Structure formats: structure tokens, C-alpha cells
């Protein structure tokens, strides 16, 4: 499964927000299906933390630019945990550099925190088996 940045909403901020919101649900589903305790724990830590990190990003964004209102209903179930986290990593990097995504350091720092959690989760899924 690959996330598409060619969504009906051409706003990379909304695509990013929806992608990370969906990652909470998807990580939780993968957590339930985890075949090992290490995968179970890594995904549990991810979904418990990422919502608060996204909340910080959205609140900071809305303080600077106004309310986000163009939420979409697109959703896809994940297939495999490590592949899914790599897709999140790649799409986060792509979206944050797109035209229309704010480059203010305070907002990019919020994205850095999310990217850091994704990287940490990839590490745990890859090496802590």
C-alpha cells in the first residue's frame, strides 16, 4: 500500500494530517495482529504517542494559519508493520517539502518529532526482535 499525495485535496498539510491520523488506527490494528511481543510493544508505543505529536502540529499550524477544515474520508488498511512504517517515513519526507507545506522552523520541528517517532519505531521493528 502506498499513500498517494494525489488526493482530491491538494493541500499537503491536510494529506499529512489525515495520513498521521490514520496511522494511529493502522498501528493499533497492526498491534492487535502482531506475531511477536516486540512488534506488539513497538506499535503500541507508536500509536500511544503519535496522536499527541500530531495534536501539537495541528494546534500550532492552526494558530498560525487558521482552522483546517478539508478533512477527507480516504482510508486503507495496512498490510505489514515494517513496510507500513517505511511508507509513513517516505511520505512524511515528501509531504513536508511540498509546495504549500509550511517551512517555519516551529512547524517543521513538530514534524521532526513525528518523523523521529517513525524512525524509532522502524528501529524497534527491525532490530529488537
Protein backbone atom coordinates (compact mmCIF):
# COMPACT_ATOMS: atom_id res chain seq x y z
CA UNK A 1 0.00 0.00 0.00
CA UNK A 2 1.40 3.39 -1.00
CA UNK A 3 -0.09 6.66 0.19
CA UNK A 4 -0.98 8.96 -2.64
CA UNK A 5 -0.29 12.66 -2.49
CA UNK A 6 -2.64 12.97 -5.49
CA UNK A 7 -5.71 13.13 -3.24
CA UNK A 8 -8.81 15.18 -4.05
CA UNK A 9 -7.50 17.75 -1.57
CA UNK A 10 -4.29 19.21 -2.99
CA UNK A 11 -3.24 20.57 0.38
CA UNK A 12 -0.13 18.69 1.59
CA UNK A 13 -0.91 19.72 5.17
CA UNK A 14 -4.32 18.02 5.06
CA UNK A 15 -2.83 14.94 3.38
CA UNK A 16 -0.17 14.80 6.12
CA UNK A 17 -2.69 15.27 8.94
CA UNK A 18 -5.01 12.58 7.59
CA UNK A 19 -2.11 10.19 6.94
CA UNK A 20 -0.88 10.52 10.54
CA UNK A 21 -4.41 10.33 11.97
CA UNK A 22 -4.96 7.11 10.04
CA UNK A 23 -1.59 5.83 11.26
CA UNK A 24 -2.97 5.78 14.81
CA UNK A 25 -5.72 3.37 13.75
CA UNK A 26 -3.45 1.37 11.47
CA UNK A 27 -0.74 0.97 14.09
CA UNK A 28 -3.40 -0.16 16.54
CA UNK A 29 -4.68 -2.77 14.07
CA UNK A 30 -1.13 -3.98 13.41
CA UNK A 31 -0.54 -4.02 17.18
CA UNK A 32 -3.53 -6.37 17.58
CA UNK A 33 -2.22 -8.61 14.80
CA UNK A 34 1.42 -8.56 15.92
CA UNK A 35 3.00 -12.01 15.83
CA UNK A 36 5.65 -11.14 18.45
CA UNK A 37 5.76 -9.22 21.71
CA UNK A 38 8.43 -6.83 20.38
CA UNK A 39 6.25 -5.82 17.40
CA UNK A 40 3.24 -5.55 19.69
CA UNK A 41 5.10 -3.20 22.04
CA UNK A 42 6.73 -1.08 19.32
CA UNK A 43 3.40 -0.43 17.62
CA UNK A 44 1.68 0.21 20.96
CA UNK A 45 4.23 2.87 21.80
CA UNK A 46 3.80 4.44 18.36
CA UNK A 47 0.00 4.76 18.45
CA UNK A 48 0.05 5.97 22.07
CA UNK A 49 2.49 8.80 21.24
CA UNK A 50 1.79 9.91 17.68
CA UNK A 51 -1.67 11.34 18.38
CA UNK A 52 -0.30 13.86 20.88
CA UNK A 53 2.53 14.80 18.49
CA UNK A 54 0.04 15.39 15.67
CA UNK A 55 -2.16 17.41 18.03
CA UNK A 56 0.80 19.72 18.71
CA UNK A 57 1.45 20.15 14.99
CA UNK A 58 -2.20 20.87 14.14
CA UNK A 59 -2.69 23.33 17.01
CA UNK A 60 0.49 25.19 16.09
CA UNK A 61 -0.49 25.23 12.41
CA UNK A 62 -3.98 26.50 13.22
CA UNK A 63 -2.56 29.20 15.48
CA UNK A 64 -0.51 30.47 12.54
CA UNK A 65 -2.83 29.84 9.57
CA UNK A 66 -6.36 29.21 10.82
CA UNK A 67 -8.52 26.11 11.12
CA UNK A 68 -8.04 23.05 8.98
CA UNK A 69 -11.41 22.11 7.53
CA UNK A 70 -10.96 19.91 4.44
CA UNK A 71 -10.79 16.51 6.10
CA UNK A 72 -11.18 13.54 3.77
CA UNK A 73 -12.61 10.08 4.32
CA UNK A 74 -9.90 8.16 2.44
CA UNK A 75 -8.67 5.18 4.40
CA UNK A 76 -6.78 1.96 3.69
CA UNK A 77 -5.92 -0.91 5.99
CA UNK A 78 -2.21 -1.63 6.46
CA UNK A 79 -0.63 -4.87 5.33
CA UNK A 80 2.65 -5.32 7.23
CA UNK A 81 4.10 -3.25 10.07
CA UNK A 82 7.66 -2.52 8.92
CA UNK A 83 6.63 -1.79 5.33
CA UNK A 84 3.87 0.47 6.60
CA UNK A 85 6.25 2.44 8.82
CA UNK A 86 8.69 2.88 5.92
CA UNK A 87 5.82 4.23 3.81
CA UNK A 88 4.95 6.70 6.58
CA UNK A 89 8.58 7.79 6.71
CA UNK A 90 8.81 8.30 2.95
CA UNK A 91 5.50 10.14 2.68
CA UNK A 92 6.30 12.36 5.66
CA UNK A 93 9.56 13.40 3.99
CA UNK A 94 7.82 14.02 0.68
CA UNK A 95 4.88 15.97 2.07
CA UNK A 96 6.88 18.23 4.37
CA UNK A 97 8.88 19.53 1.41
CA UNK A 98 5.96 20.08 -0.95
CA UNK A 99 4.83 23.49 -2.07
CA UNK A 100 2.14 24.62 0.35
CA UNK A 101 3.59 22.87 3.39
CA UNK A 102 4.85 25.49 5.89
CA UNK A 103 8.59 25.68 6.29
CA UNK A 104 8.53 27.63 9.57
CA UNK A 105 11.02 26.05 11.95
CA UNK A 106 8.47 25.61 14.73
CA UNK A 107 6.13 23.61 12.46
CA UNK A 108 8.98 21.64 10.89
CA UNK A 109 10.17 20.83 14.44
CA UNK A 110 6.75 19.34 15.17
CA UNK A 111 7.08 17.23 12.02
CA UNK A 112 10.59 16.28 13.16
CA UNK A 113 9.11 14.85 16.36
CA UNK A 114 6.70 12.71 14.34
CA UNK A 115 9.49 11.65 11.96
CA UNK A 116 11.65 10.77 14.97
CA UNK A 117 8.90 8.54 16.38
CA UNK A 118 8.50 6.84 13.00
CA UNK A 119 12.28 6.26 12.82
CA UNK A 120 12.36 4.90 16.37
CA UNK A 121 9.50 2.55 15.56
CA UNK A 122 11.32 1.34 12.42
CA UNK A 123 14.40 0.68 14.55
CA UNK A 124 12.38 -1.32 17.08
CA UNK A 125 10.60 -3.32 14.36
CA UNK A 126 13.88 -4.04 12.58
CA UNK A 127 16.35 -4.76 15.36
CA UNK A 128 14.50 -5.52 18.59
CA UNK A 129 13.05 -8.89 17.78
